[in-house]
Amino acid sequence: MRSTPNYGVIMVGIAFMLSTFAFGGLGSVGVFLKPLSAEFGWSRAEVSFGYTSMALSSAISSIFLGYIADKFGARRLALMGIVVMFLAMVLLSRMQTLWEFYLYYFLFGSLGFSAVGAPLMASVGQWFTDKRGLAIGVVAAGGAFGQGVFPFLARLITSGYGWDTAYYVLGVIFLILGLPLAWMVRESPTRIAAINNPEDHSAPQDHYPMKPAEVISWLGIAIIFCCQCMAVPIVHVVALASDMGFDPKTAASIFMVLMISGVFGRIAGGGLCDRLGALRTYALMSLGQTVSAIWFPQITNLIGLYGLAVIFGFFYSGVMTSLIVNLQVMTPPRMTGRAMGFGIFFGMIGMGLGGFLGGYIYDLTGNYTAAFAYASAAGVVNLCIIFVISLRLKGAITKMSSI
């Protein structure tokens, strides 16, 4: 499909909506924790592992699909992803055993979420130069919007009609609205040139202070700990609020507030990347995420929880946008798909570990205090790695300028 020079703005809108569906399905897991535990007798660690299954499958397949996106573009992958997400949700609505729960979420992550995630981010970022951070922030905001709206919708449907109907309705929404949008995905002229000439390394923009492998390795380690910090609140805040005595709809609304505030956090994070630089923005947002995560079990009144949800949602979402921008500005266009694929690989490992360990620590201790403390500890490790990356980057720039 041919591209037009001003199609980038349209691509931002398309990617925003597709991200809404993909992350909406990802974020809905926490809503089903207690209903599935009540019906099947599964522990919270067992149900949380469904999120881990989805995250790990996304991690592995994102690398492979990133390579495919670098060779063929994102459109066919987006179409496949929408169809697979629909099928996975329909299958989840009919499951009866724990292995089915894991298998269908594995399918959702491996060929659904990951087919929409990394390829789309790789595609959209290359449409822009001056405002790349802002464009990526808007697209990433779609994920936050989906993680706020779809879990709340799933909670409403579950309360009225059951968890099985909720899964089915989500799948139908993904299919009906997602397929036309996926069909409209296009690549930028820069990306098309990189796809058609993958071995051309002569372009000026193909020279960077750090080698792509080093960038991906350092950021990958940071991402693992960063995403553990964000995963515990994302997966467990609904169950935590329910344990405090709030009704299911109110508990789900806290999560919705967290995610909706993330819409602004992701856009603001992208704008800050354009002004402060991607790595500085990542450090700033990571600090806010780390400090706010530990307070969730300590605040027991509703207004305080809503306020904390706004703060955490803003910072954690800014982290996600700045990570994406870092991967894009520090690697060449010919490798954007692979860089995003590896970024999601490490991110999903961290998200999967955080989601599972949050439930596991809860099962060990009987409350969420230690689980959320663990989340903040992982955030501290992430901050230390960011400091090391900044030192390495300064050294590489100094060496390059002296040549």
Protein backbone atom coordinates (compact mmCIF):
# COMPACT_ATOMS: atom_id res chain seq x y z
CA MET A 1 0.00 0.00 0.00
CA ARG A 2 1.35 3.42 -0.95
CA SER A 3 1.79 6.13 1.67
CA THR A 4 1.14 9.86 1.47
CA PRO A 5 3.42 12.36 3.26
CA ASN A 6 0.68 13.62 5.63
CA TYR A 7 -0.64 10.18 6.50
CA GLY A 8 1.33 10.16 9.74
CA VAL A 9 -1.41 12.02 11.63
CA ILE A 10 -3.97 9.44 10.47
CA MET A 11 -1.61 6.66 11.52
CA VAL A 12 -1.44 8.13 15.01
CA GLY A 13 -5.24 7.91 15.25
CA ILE A 14 -5.30 4.34 13.88
CA ALA A 15 -2.54 3.18 16.19
CA PHE A 16 -4.23 4.91 19.15
CA MET A 17 -7.38 2.85 18.66
CA LEU A 18 -5.60 -0.45 17.98
CA SER A 19 -3.50 0.10 21.10
CA THR A 20 -6.73 0.71 22.99
CA PHE A 21 -7.98 -2.76 22.06
CA ALA A 22 -4.69 -4.58 22.67
CA PHE A 23 -3.95 -3.03 26.05
CA GLY A 24 -7.62 -3.18 27.01
CA GLY A 25 -7.50 -6.95 26.74
CA LEU A 26 -4.18 -7.03 28.57
CA GLY A 27 -5.39 -4.87 31.44
CA SER A 28 -8.68 -6.72 31.95
CA VAL A 29 -7.00 -9.64 33.70
CA GLY A 30 -7.14 -7.97 37.10
CA VAL A 31 -10.92 -7.59 36.85
CA PHE A 32 -11.36 -11.35 36.52
CA LEU A 33 -9.14 -12.25 39.50
CA LYS A 34 -11.88 -12.61 42.10
CA PRO A 35 -14.74 -13.86 39.86
CA LEU A 36 -12.61 -16.72 38.50
CA SER A 37 -11.22 -17.54 41.94
CA ALA A 38 -14.76 -17.68 43.31
CA GLU A 39 -16.15 -19.89 40.54
CA PHE A 40 -13.28 -22.32 40.01
CA GLY A 41 -11.47 -22.17 43.37
CA TRP A 42 -8.22 -20.98 41.79
CA SER A 43 -5.82 -19.02 44.02
CA ARG A 44 -4.89 -15.46 43.13
CA ALA A 45 -1.41 -16.60 42.22
CA GLU A 46 -2.91 -19.13 39.79
CA VAL A 47 -5.19 -16.55 38.18
CA SER A 48 -2.37 -13.98 38.13
CA PHE A 49 -0.28 -16.49 36.19
CA GLY A 50 -2.74 -16.05 33.32
CA TYR A 51 -1.35 -12.54 33.01
CA THR A 52 2.14 -14.00 33.23
CA SER A 53 1.33 -16.51 30.49
CA MET A 54 0.14 -13.70 28.24
CA ALA A 55 3.13 -11.53 29.08
CA LEU A 56 5.74 -14.23 28.48
CA SER A 57 4.16 -15.32 25.20
CA SER A 58 4.13 -11.68 24.08
CA ALA A 59 7.75 -11.34 25.12
CA ILE A 60 8.91 -14.27 23.03
CA SER A 61 6.84 -13.59 19.93
CA SER A 62 7.49 -9.82 19.89
CA ILE A 63 11.11 -10.45 18.89
CA PHE A 64 10.05 -12.69 16.00
CA LEU A 65 7.26 -10.35 14.90
CA GLY A 66 9.63 -7.38 15.15
CA TYR A 67 11.85 -9.04 12.55
CA ILE A 68 8.82 -9.65 10.34
CA ALA A 69 7.75 -6.02 10.68
CA ASP A 70 11.25 -4.89 9.59
CA LYS A 71 10.88 -7.00 6.44
CA PHE A 72 7.21 -6.65 5.50
CA GLY A 73 5.70 -3.79 7.50
CA ALA A 74 2.98 -3.72 10.15
CA ARG A 75 -0.31 -3.95 8.23
CA ARG A 76 -0.62 -7.72 7.83
CA LEU A 77 0.50 -8.25 11.40
CA ALA A 78 -2.13 -5.82 12.69
CA LEU A 79 -4.86 -7.69 10.79
CA MET A 80 -3.70 -11.00 12.22
CA GLY A 81 -3.49 -9.54 15.72
CA ILE A 82 -7.10 -8.32 15.73
CA VAL A 83 -8.44 -11.69 14.55
CA VAL A 84 -6.41 -13.60 17.14
CA MET A 85 -7.48 -11.31 19.99
CA PHE A 86 -11.10 -11.91 19.03
CA LEU A 87 -10.64 -15.69 18.95
CA ALA A 88 -8.80 -15.73 22.28
CA MET A 89 -11.56 -13.78 24.03
CA VAL A 90 -14.27 -16.04 22.62
CA LEU A 91 -12.36 -19.13 23.76
CA LEU A 92 -11.87 -17.61 27.23
CA SER A 93 -15.64 -17.14 27.48
CA ARG A 94 -16.07 -20.92 27.16
CA MET A 95 -13.17 -22.21 29.29
CA GLN A 96 -13.65 -24.65 32.15
CA THR A 97 -10.12 -25.54 33.25
CA LEU A 98 -7.00 -23.71 34.40
CA TRP A 99 -4.90 -25.00 31.51
CA GLU A 100 -7.41 -23.52 29.04
CA PHE A 101 -7.15 -20.19 30.86
CA TYR A 102 -3.37 -20.19 30.43
CA LEU A 103 -3.49 -21.44 26.83
CA TYR A 104 -5.95 -18.85 25.59
CA TYR A 105 -4.11 -15.98 27.26
CA PHE A 106 -0.90 -17.39 25.76
CA LEU A 107 -2.60 -17.19 22.36
CA PHE A 108 -3.80 -13.63 23.03
CA GLY A 109 -0.28 -12.52 23.89
CA SER A 110 1.75 -14.42 21.31
CA LEU A 111 -0.19 -13.72 18.12
CA GLY A 112 -2.63 -11.01 19.21
CA PHE A 113 -1.18 -8.35 21.47
CA SER A 114 2.39 -8.67 20.19
CA ALA A 115 1.27 -8.44 16.54
CA VAL A 116 -0.31 -5.06 17.26
CA GLY A 117 2.20 -3.68 19.78
CA ALA A 118 5.79 -3.55 18.52
CA PRO A 119 5.04 -3.37 14.76
CA LEU A 120 2.68 -0.41 15.16
CA MET A 121 5.03 1.53 17.41
CA ALA A 122 7.87 0.91 14.96
CA SER A 123 5.70 2.15 12.10
CA VAL A 124 4.25 5.28 13.71
CA GLY A 125 7.53 6.60 15.10
CA GLN A 126 9.11 6.77 11.65
CA TRP A 127 6.43 9.13 10.35
CA PHE A 128 7.83 11.94 12.53
CA THR A 129 11.12 13.66 13.30
CA ASP A 130 10.61 16.88 15.31
CA LYS A 131 7.52 15.69 17.21
CA ARG A 132 8.27 12.00 17.39
CA GLY A 133 7.98 11.84 21.17
CA LEU A 134 4.58 13.54 21.15
CA ALA A 135 3.28 11.24 18.38
CA ILE A 136 4.43 8.14 20.23
CA GLY A 137 2.95 9.54 23.42
CA VAL A 138 -0.46 9.91 21.79
CA VAL A 139 -0.34 6.35 20.46
CA ALA A 140 0.78 5.04 23.84
CA ALA A 141 -2.11 6.97 25.40
CA GLY A 142 -4.40 4.64 23.50
CA GLY A 143 -3.04 1.79 25.60
CA ALA A 144 -3.77 3.66 28.82
CA PHE A 145 -7.25 4.56 27.58
CA GLY A 146 -7.93 0.91 26.76
CA GLN A 147 -6.61 -0.28 30.11
CA GLY A 148 -9.00 2.13 31.79
CA VAL A 149 -12.14 1.69 29.72
CA PHE A 150 -12.17 -2.02 28.89
CA PRO A 151 -11.55 -3.35 32.42
CA PHE A 152 -14.31 -1.05 33.71
CA LEU A 153 -16.61 -2.27 30.93
CA ALA A 154 -15.65 -5.86 31.74
CA ARG A 155 -16.50 -5.27 35.41
CA LEU A 156 -19.93 -3.86 34.52
CA ILE A 157 -20.72 -6.79 32.25
CA THR A 158 -19.37 -9.32 34.75
CA SER A 159 -21.51 -7.86 37.53
CA GLY A 160 -24.65 -8.04 35.40
CA TYR A 161 -24.17 -11.07 33.17
CA GLY A 162 -21.09 -13.01 34.30
CA TRP A 163 -17.42 -13.22 33.41
CA ASP A 164 -18.05 -15.43 30.37
CA THR A 165 -20.30 -12.84 28.71
CA ALA A 166 -17.74 -10.14 29.49
CA TYR A 167 -15.00 -12.03 27.65
CA TYR A 168 -17.26 -12.64 24.65
CA VAL A 169 -18.41 -9.01 24.35
CA LEU A 170 -14.82 -7.73 24.52
CA GLY A 171 -13.84 -10.07 21.70
CA VAL A 172 -16.69 -8.95 19.45
CA ILE A 173 -15.80 -5.29 20.02
CA PHE A 174 -12.18 -5.98 19.08
CA LEU A 175 -13.21 -7.66 15.81
CA ILE A 176 -15.90 -5.24 14.60
CA LEU A 177 -13.96 -2.06 15.31
CA GLY A 178 -10.42 -3.34 14.89
CA LEU A 179 -10.43 -4.96 11.45
CA PRO A 180 -11.23 -1.80 9.43
CA LEU A 181 -8.58 0.13 11.34
CA ALA A 182 -5.93 -2.55 10.84
CA TRP A 183 -6.64 -2.48 7.09
CA MET A 184 -5.71 1.24 7.02
CA VAL A 185 -2.20 0.78 8.49
CA ARG A 186 0.53 2.26 6.24
CA GLU A 187 4.32 2.69 6.44
CA SER A 188 6.20 5.99 6.21
CA PRO A 189 8.55 6.71 3.27
CA THR A 190 11.55 6.37 5.63
CA ARG A 191 10.34 3.02 6.87
CA ILE A 192 9.57 1.79 3.35
CA ALA A 193 13.11 2.70 2.26
CA ALA A 194 14.54 0.82 5.25
CA ILE A 195 12.38 -2.23 4.49
CA ASN A 196 13.34 -2.23 0.81
CA ASN A 197 17.07 -1.66 1.51
CA PRO A 198 17.80 -3.34 4.85
CA GLU A 199 21.56 -3.54 4.21
CA ASP A 200 22.01 0.16 3.44
CA HIS A 201 23.91 1.59 6.44
CA SER A 202 25.21 4.70 4.66
CA ALA A 203 22.51 7.16 5.73
CA PRO A 204 23.67 9.80 8.24
CA GLN A 205 20.82 8.93 10.61
CA ASP A 206 22.17 5.39 10.79
CA HIS A 207 25.13 6.47 12.97
CA TYR A 208 24.50 6.48 16.73
CA PRO A 209 26.71 6.88 19.84
CA MET A 210 25.97 3.37 21.11
CA LYS A 211 25.60 0.18 19.09
CA PRO A 212 21.99 -1.09 18.82
CA ALA A 213 22.83 -4.32 20.65
CA GLU A 214 24.28 -2.38 23.58
CA VAL A 215 21.31 -0.01 23.70
CA ILE A 216 18.83 -2.87 23.70
CA SER A 217 20.79 -4.81 26.32
CA TRP A 218 21.09 -1.97 28.81
CA LEU A 219 17.53 -0.74 28.35
CA GLY A 220 16.29 -4.33 28.44
CA ILE A 221 17.70 -4.91 31.92
CA ALA A 222 16.19 -1.63 33.13
CA ILE A 223 12.83 -2.50 31.59
CA ILE A 224 12.59 -5.82 33.43
CA PHE A 225 12.75 -4.10 36.82
CA CYS A 226 10.75 -1.06 35.74
CA CYS A 227 7.87 -3.23 34.53
CA GLN A 228 7.83 -5.28 37.71
CA CYS A 229 7.29 -2.03 39.58
CA MET A 230 4.32 -1.08 37.40
CA ALA A 231 2.79 -4.56 37.10
CA VAL A 232 1.95 -5.09 40.78
CA PRO A 233 -0.46 -2.11 41.01
CA ILE A 234 -1.88 -2.72 37.53
CA VAL A 235 -2.74 -6.36 38.16
CA HIS A 236 -3.67 -6.19 41.83
CA VAL A 237 -5.16 -2.77 42.62
CA VAL A 238 -8.73 -3.96 41.93
CA ALA A 239 -8.34 -6.93 44.26
CA LEU A 240 -6.59 -4.72 46.84
CA ALA A 241 -9.45 -2.20 46.85
CA SER A 242 -11.96 -5.04 47.11
CA ASP A 243 -10.09 -6.45 50.11
CA MET A 244 -10.39 -3.01 51.73
CA GLY A 245 -14.17 -3.36 51.58
CA PHE A 246 -15.03 -1.42 48.44
CA ASP A 247 -17.66 -2.94 46.15
CA PRO A 248 -16.52 -4.40 42.79
CA LYS A 249 -17.65 -1.44 40.69
CA THR A 250 -15.87 1.06 42.95
CA ALA A 251 -12.72 -1.08 42.95
CA ALA A 252 -12.80 -1.21 39.15
CA SER A 253 -13.35 2.55 39.00
CA ILE A 254 -10.07 3.11 40.89
CA PHE A 255 -8.28 1.14 38.20
CA MET A 256 -10.11 3.12 35.51
CA VAL A 257 -8.99 6.41 37.09
CA LEU A 258 -5.41 5.08 37.19
CA MET A 259 -5.51 4.23 33.50
CA ILE A 260 -7.34 7.34 32.31
CA SER A 261 -4.78 9.53 34.08
CA GLY A 262 -2.25 7.49 32.15
CA VAL A 263 -3.62 8.94 28.92
CA PHE A 264 -2.29 12.34 30.00
CA GLY A 265 0.89 10.80 31.41
CA ARG A 266 1.79 9.17 28.12
CA ILE A 267 1.16 12.30 26.09
CA ALA A 268 3.06 14.44 28.61
CA GLY A 269 5.89 11.90 28.65
CA GLY A 270 6.21 12.12 24.87
CA GLY A 271 6.24 15.91 24.97
CA LEU A 272 8.89 15.92 27.68
CA CYS A 273 11.04 13.57 25.59
CA ASP A 274 11.02 16.17 22.82
CA ARG A 275 12.11 18.87 25.30
CA LEU A 276 14.25 17.22 27.99
CA GLY A 277 15.49 14.19 26.09
CA ALA A 278 14.24 10.62 26.19
CA LEU A 279 16.59 9.25 28.87
CA ARG A 280 16.07 12.15 31.29
CA THR A 281 12.31 11.82 30.91
CA TYR A 282 12.54 8.08 31.56
CA ALA A 283 14.48 8.74 34.78
CA LEU A 284 12.01 11.38 35.97
CA MET A 285 8.94 9.25 35.30
CA SER A 286 10.58 6.17 36.83
CA LEU A 287 11.24 8.09 40.03
CA GLY A 288 7.59 9.10 40.31
CA GLN A 289 6.42 5.54 39.65
CA THR A 290 8.79 4.07 42.24
CA VAL A 291 7.83 6.50 45.01
CA SER A 292 4.06 6.22 44.46
CA ALA A 293 3.76 2.42 44.10
CA ILE A 294 4.50 1.59 47.72
CA TRP A 295 1.62 3.70 49.10
CA PHE A 296 -1.34 1.74 47.72
CA PRO A 297 -1.81 -0.60 50.73
CA GLN A 298 -1.25 2.30 53.16
CA ILE A 299 -4.13 4.48 51.97
CA THR A 300 -7.56 3.10 52.90
CA ASN A 301 -9.97 5.96 52.08
CA LEU A 302 -11.52 6.25 48.65
CA ILE A 303 -10.49 9.84 47.89
CA GLY A 304 -6.88 9.03 48.78
CA LEU A 305 -6.88 5.96 46.55
CA TYR A 306 -8.29 7.94 43.64
CA GLY A 307 -5.59 10.57 44.14
CA LEU A 308 -2.83 7.99 44.32
CA ALA A 309 -4.25 6.28 41.23
CA VAL A 310 -3.96 9.57 39.33
CA ILE A 311 -0.35 10.08 40.44
CA PHE A 312 0.81 6.52 39.76
CA GLY A 313 -1.09 6.38 36.45
CA PHE A 314 0.56 9.56 35.24
CA PHE A 315 4.11 8.49 36.08
CA TYR A 316 3.91 4.84 35.04
CA SER A 317 2.43 5.87 31.69
CA GLY A 318 5.15 8.45 31.17
CA VAL A 319 7.64 5.65 31.77
CA MET A 320 6.13 3.60 28.96
CA THR A 321 6.22 6.43 26.43
CA SER A 322 9.78 7.45 27.27
CA LEU A 323 10.97 3.84 26.95
CA ILE A 324 9.49 3.60 23.47
CA VAL A 325 11.07 6.90 22.43
CA ASN A 326 14.46 5.79 23.81
CA LEU A 327 14.36 2.63 21.73
CA GLN A 328 13.42 4.58 18.60
CA VAL A 329 15.86 7.50 18.84
CA MET A 330 18.80 5.31 19.87
CA THR A 331 18.46 2.70 17.06
CA PRO A 332 18.38 3.11 13.25
CA PRO A 333 15.15 2.89 11.15
CA ARG A 334 16.20 -0.46 9.66
CA MET A 335 16.09 -1.99 13.15
CA THR A 336 13.09 -0.22 14.66
CA GLY A 337 10.83 -3.27 14.57
CA ARG A 338 13.46 -5.45 16.22
CA ALA A 339 14.26 -2.82 18.84
CA MET A 340 10.58 -2.51 19.73
CA GLY A 341 10.25 -6.30 19.72
CA PHE A 342 13.10 -6.72 22.17
CA GLY A 343 11.71 -3.86 24.26
CA ILE A 344 8.37 -5.63 24.56
CA PHE A 345 10.20 -8.90 25.21
CA PHE A 346 11.94 -7.48 28.27
CA GLY A 347 8.88 -5.48 29.27
CA MET A 348 6.59 -8.48 29.23
CA ILE A 349 9.07 -10.52 31.24
CA GLY A 350 9.00 -7.79 33.86
CA MET A 351 5.22 -7.41 33.70
CA GLY A 352 4.74 -11.15 33.95
CA LEU A 353 7.07 -11.46 36.91
CA GLY A 354 5.53 -8.50 38.68
CA GLY A 355 1.97 -9.68 38.13
CA PHE A 356 2.73 -13.20 39.37
CA LEU A 357 4.96 -12.19 42.28
CA GLY A 358 2.34 -9.73 43.47
CA GLY A 359 -0.14 -12.59 43.80
CA TYR A 360 2.47 -15.00 45.17
CA ILE A 361 3.61 -12.59 47.90
CA TYR A 362 -0.04 -11.96 48.77
CA ASP A 363 -0.62 -15.71 49.16
CA LEU A 364 2.44 -15.95 51.42
CA THR A 365 1.62 -12.98 53.65
CA GLY A 366 -2.17 -12.69 53.44
CA ASN A 367 -2.04 -9.00 52.47
CA TYR A 368 -0.60 -6.71 49.82
CA THR A 369 1.83 -4.61 51.91
CA ALA A 370 4.93 -6.67 51.09
CA ALA A 371 3.87 -7.09 47.45
CA PHE A 372 3.72 -3.35 46.81
CA ALA A 373 6.96 -2.83 48.75
CA TYR A 374 8.58 -5.32 46.39
CA ALA A 375 7.27 -3.26 43.45
CA SER A 376 9.02 -0.13 44.71
CA ALA A 377 12.23 -2.07 45.37
CA ALA A 378 12.25 -3.17 41.73
CA GLY A 379 11.79 0.48 40.78
CA VAL A 380 14.89 1.45 42.76
CA VAL A 381 16.95 -1.10 40.81
CA ASN A 382 15.59 0.36 37.58
CA LEU A 383 16.72 3.86 38.63
CA CYS A 384 20.23 2.58 39.36
CA ILE A 385 20.44 1.06 35.88
CA ILE A 386 19.26 4.31 34.28
CA PHE A 387 22.14 6.08 36.01
CA VAL A 388 24.61 3.57 34.56
CA ILE A 389 23.11 3.98 31.07
CA SER A 390 23.47 7.76 31.28
CA LEU A 391 27.16 7.43 32.19
CA ARG A 392 27.74 5.00 29.34
CA LEU A 393 25.94 7.27 26.86
CA LYS A 394 27.97 10.32 27.90
CA GLY A 395 31.17 8.33 27.45
CA ALA A 396 30.11 7.14 24.00
CA ILE A 397 29.18 10.67 22.87
CA THR A 398 32.50 12.04 24.13
CA LYS A 399 34.39 9.34 22.27
CA MET A 400 32.44 9.99 19.05
CA SER A 401 33.05 13.76 19.18
CA SER A 402 36.78 13.25 19.62
CA ILE A 403 37.11 11.14 16.49
